[in-house]
Amino acid sequence: MRGTNITKVVLALTLVFGFESAALATQYFTLEKVQQALFPNADSFSSQPVRLTDDQKEFVEDYAKVSLRAEEQPVWRVEAKGTFIGWLVVDEVYGKHEFITYAVGLNPDGSVKGMEIMDYRETRGGEVRNPEWRARLTGKHYGDALKMDQDIDNISGATLSVKHITEGVRRILAIYQTALKPQAGNNR
């Protein structure tokens, strides 16, 4: 009888905690939808993945204070009626246990136009989708502090998500500075 009760408890805990992650993993935006959300007037998204040189990698890592995770950064040059209007950068950072996929729209001057969470796989911390919190990133440039608890508010229960997304945006701004800024004015 006692073994049966233990089995029931283990089964109940597995059902509660084992599926918690899967139940909360959510895709909020596809690539096409996030492009429309961040650049509603755009009519052209040209894929231009960025592969940094060793010097550029060092520059980005020194500025962002985080390592680059991938050899190539997914980037799209955005245009409206033949005029360059910005960059769309898709990135991933760790939350606490899982990846968070997000997109950052950059204005032609490199400032953050907006940020959207595309996929959130964590069981907690989804408050980073809060528009008021994401708005704290809007207008940030390379050279701005972008530090949690200084110019970026922490969110109780989402500390690691906030920290890592903030670091990721800082990394994206450094990539803009070293790799995208030189291309920003090139209107084919």
Protein backbone atom coordinates (compact mmCIF):
# COMPACT_ATOMS: atom_id res chain seq x y z
CA MET A 1 0.00 0.00 0.00
CA ARG A 2 2.80 2.39 0.93
CA GLY A 3 4.60 1.72 -2.39
CA THR A 4 1.41 2.60 -4.25
CA ASN A 5 1.17 5.97 -2.48
CA ILE A 6 4.79 6.78 -3.28
CA THR A 7 4.16 5.85 -6.92
CA LYS A 8 1.14 8.17 -7.00
CA VAL A 9 3.16 11.03 -5.49
CA VAL A 10 6.01 10.52 -7.97
CA LEU A 11 3.54 10.35 -10.86
CA ALA A 12 1.78 13.51 -9.66
CA LEU A 13 5.07 15.40 -9.29
CA THR A 14 6.17 14.25 -12.74
CA LEU A 15 2.92 15.45 -14.25
CA VAL A 16 3.15 18.81 -12.50
CA PHE A 17 6.84 19.54 -12.95
CA GLY A 18 7.70 17.39 -15.93
CA PHE A 19 5.25 19.13 -18.21
CA GLU A 20 5.56 22.62 -16.76
CA SER A 21 8.33 23.54 -19.18
CA ALA A 22 6.56 22.18 -22.24
CA ALA A 23 3.30 23.83 -21.26
CA LEU A 24 4.93 27.25 -20.99
CA ALA A 25 7.21 27.10 -24.03
CA THR A 26 5.56 29.51 -26.42
CA GLN A 27 6.28 30.87 -29.87
CA TYR A 28 4.97 34.42 -30.00
CA PHE A 29 6.35 35.46 -33.38
CA THR A 30 7.51 33.78 -36.55
CA LEU A 31 10.23 35.58 -38.49
CA GLU A 32 7.67 37.06 -40.87
CA LYS A 33 5.43 38.28 -38.04
CA VAL A 34 8.29 39.85 -36.07
CA GLN A 35 9.47 41.63 -39.24
CA GLN A 36 5.97 43.11 -39.63
CA ALA A 37 5.75 44.01 -35.93
CA LEU A 38 9.08 45.85 -35.79
CA PHE A 39 9.01 47.34 -39.30
CA PRO A 40 5.34 47.67 -40.35
CA ASN A 41 6.15 49.95 -43.32
CA ALA A 42 8.94 47.80 -44.75
CA ASP A 43 8.58 46.07 -48.08
CA SER A 44 12.01 44.41 -48.28
CA PHE A 45 13.96 42.25 -45.84
CA SER A 46 17.28 41.20 -47.33
CA SER A 47 19.09 38.48 -45.38
CA GLN A 48 22.65 39.60 -44.67
CA PRO A 49 24.12 37.32 -42.01
CA VAL A 50 27.11 38.88 -40.27
CA ARG A 51 30.32 36.88 -39.91
CA LEU A 52 32.74 38.87 -37.78
CA THR A 53 36.50 38.99 -38.20
CA ASP A 54 38.67 38.08 -35.21
CA ASP A 55 39.22 41.78 -34.48
CA GLN A 56 35.48 42.46 -34.64
CA LYS A 57 34.76 39.50 -32.35
CA GLU A 58 37.23 40.86 -29.81
CA PHE A 59 35.65 44.32 -30.08
CA VAL A 60 32.13 42.93 -29.52
CA GLU A 61 33.11 40.69 -26.62
CA ASP A 62 35.11 43.46 -24.91
CA TYR A 63 32.21 45.90 -25.18
CA ALA A 64 29.35 43.52 -24.43
CA LYS A 65 31.20 41.63 -21.68
CA VAL A 66 29.70 38.39 -23.04
CA SER A 67 30.98 35.82 -25.50
CA LEU A 68 29.63 35.42 -28.99
CA ARG A 69 27.64 32.22 -29.23
CA ALA A 70 27.57 31.69 -32.98
CA GLU A 71 29.85 32.17 -35.95
CA GLU A 72 27.11 34.03 -37.84
CA GLN A 73 24.59 36.56 -36.59
CA PRO A 74 21.24 36.45 -38.45
CA VAL A 75 20.62 39.97 -39.78
CA TRP A 76 18.23 41.45 -42.34
CA ARG A 77 18.66 44.80 -44.08
CA VAL A 78 15.27 46.50 -44.06
CA GLU A 79 13.97 48.84 -46.77
CA ALA A 80 10.76 50.65 -47.61
CA LYS A 81 10.24 51.83 -51.18
CA GLY A 82 13.95 51.43 -51.90
CA THR A 83 15.08 53.44 -48.88
CA PHE A 84 17.13 51.85 -46.11
CA ILE A 85 15.15 52.04 -42.84
CA GLY A 86 17.09 49.78 -40.49
CA TRP A 87 18.29 46.34 -39.50
CA LEU A 88 16.49 43.38 -38.00
CA VAL A 89 18.66 41.14 -35.83
CA VAL A 90 17.48 37.79 -34.45
CA ASP A 91 19.38 36.41 -31.48
CA GLU A 92 19.20 33.82 -28.72
CA VAL A 93 20.28 34.04 -25.11
CA TYR A 94 19.92 31.67 -22.19
CA GLY A 95 17.23 32.42 -19.66
CA LYS A 96 17.78 30.27 -16.62
CA HIS A 97 17.65 26.86 -18.29
CA GLU A 98 16.45 27.36 -21.86
CA PHE A 99 17.03 29.64 -24.83
CA ILE A 100 15.05 32.82 -25.37
CA THR A 101 14.80 33.83 -29.02
CA TYR A 102 14.22 37.52 -29.58
CA ALA A 103 14.46 40.09 -32.36
CA VAL A 104 15.79 43.63 -32.21
CA GLY A 105 14.93 46.29 -34.76
CA LEU A 106 17.65 48.90 -35.23
CA ASN A 107 17.07 52.32 -36.76
CA PRO A 108 19.55 53.50 -39.42
CA ASP A 109 21.50 55.37 -36.71
CA GLY A 110 21.91 52.13 -34.74
CA SER A 111 19.44 52.98 -31.98
CA VAL A 112 17.03 50.31 -30.82
CA LYS A 113 13.70 50.73 -32.61
CA GLY A 114 12.08 47.91 -30.67
CA MET A 115 12.50 44.41 -29.29
CA GLU A 116 10.16 41.44 -29.37
CA ILE A 117 10.38 38.03 -27.72
CA MET A 118 9.88 35.43 -30.45
CA ASP A 119 10.18 32.16 -28.47
CA TYR A 120 10.14 31.86 -24.71
CA ARG A 121 10.91 28.40 -23.37
CA GLU A 122 11.44 29.12 -19.67
CA THR A 123 8.96 28.15 -16.98
CA ARG A 124 9.27 31.55 -15.30
CA GLY A 125 10.32 35.05 -16.23
CA GLY A 126 7.98 35.62 -19.16
CA GLU A 127 7.42 39.13 -17.82
CA VAL A 128 10.22 40.22 -20.18
CA ARG A 129 7.44 40.37 -22.78
CA ASN A 130 5.90 43.25 -20.84
CA PRO A 131 5.72 46.26 -23.22
CA GLU A 132 6.77 48.68 -20.47
CA TRP A 133 9.92 46.68 -19.75
CA ARG A 134 10.79 46.25 -23.45
CA ALA A 135 10.28 49.99 -23.96
CA ARG A 136 13.25 50.60 -21.64
CA LEU A 137 15.46 49.29 -24.47
CA THR A 138 13.98 51.57 -27.14
CA GLY A 139 16.29 54.38 -28.16
CA LYS A 140 19.40 52.77 -26.68
CA HIS A 141 22.61 53.24 -28.68
CA TYR A 142 26.09 51.79 -28.68
CA GLY A 143 27.81 53.51 -25.76
CA ASP A 144 24.74 53.65 -23.50
CA ALA A 145 25.19 51.85 -20.19
CA LEU A 146 22.55 49.16 -20.76
CA LYS A 147 22.99 47.74 -17.28
CA MET A 148 20.41 45.96 -15.21
CA ASP A 149 19.28 47.96 -12.17
CA GLN A 150 20.76 51.13 -13.65
CA ASP A 151 18.98 52.10 -16.87
CA ILE A 152 17.25 48.72 -17.35
CA ASP A 153 14.85 47.66 -14.61
CA ASN A 154 15.10 44.19 -13.13
CA ILE A 155 11.94 42.11 -12.92
CA SER A 156 11.46 39.96 -9.83
CA GLY A 157 11.23 36.34 -10.96
CA ALA A 158 12.85 37.12 -14.30
CA THR A 159 16.30 38.27 -13.19
CA LEU A 160 18.32 35.98 -15.46
CA SER A 161 16.07 36.62 -18.47
CA VAL A 162 16.42 40.38 -17.95
CA LYS A 163 20.19 40.13 -17.46
CA HIS A 164 20.81 37.95 -20.50
CA ILE A 165 18.48 39.82 -22.86
CA THR A 166 20.12 43.10 -21.78
CA GLU A 167 23.57 41.60 -22.44
CA GLY A 168 22.33 40.31 -25.80
CA VAL A 169 21.06 43.73 -26.85
CA ARG A 170 24.39 45.26 -25.77
CA ARG A 171 26.14 42.64 -27.96
CA ILE A 172 23.86 43.49 -30.91
CA LEU A 173 24.67 47.20 -30.52
CA ALA A 174 28.39 46.36 -30.61
CA ILE A 175 27.84 44.26 -33.75
CA TYR A 176 26.08 47.25 -35.29
CA GLN A 177 28.99 49.52 -34.37
CA THR A 178 31.69 47.30 -35.86
CA ALA A 179 29.93 45.53 -38.74
CA LEU A 180 26.61 47.13 -39.70
CA LYS A 181 27.25 50.86 -39.23
CA PRO A 182 29.76 50.95 -42.11
CA GLN A 183 27.03 49.48 -44.38
CA ALA A 184 24.09 51.52 -43.08
CA GLY A 185 24.21 54.20 -45.75
CA ASN A 186 24.63 51.87 -48.70
CA ASN A 187 21.36 52.09 -50.64
CA ARG A 188 22.12 49.65 -53.42
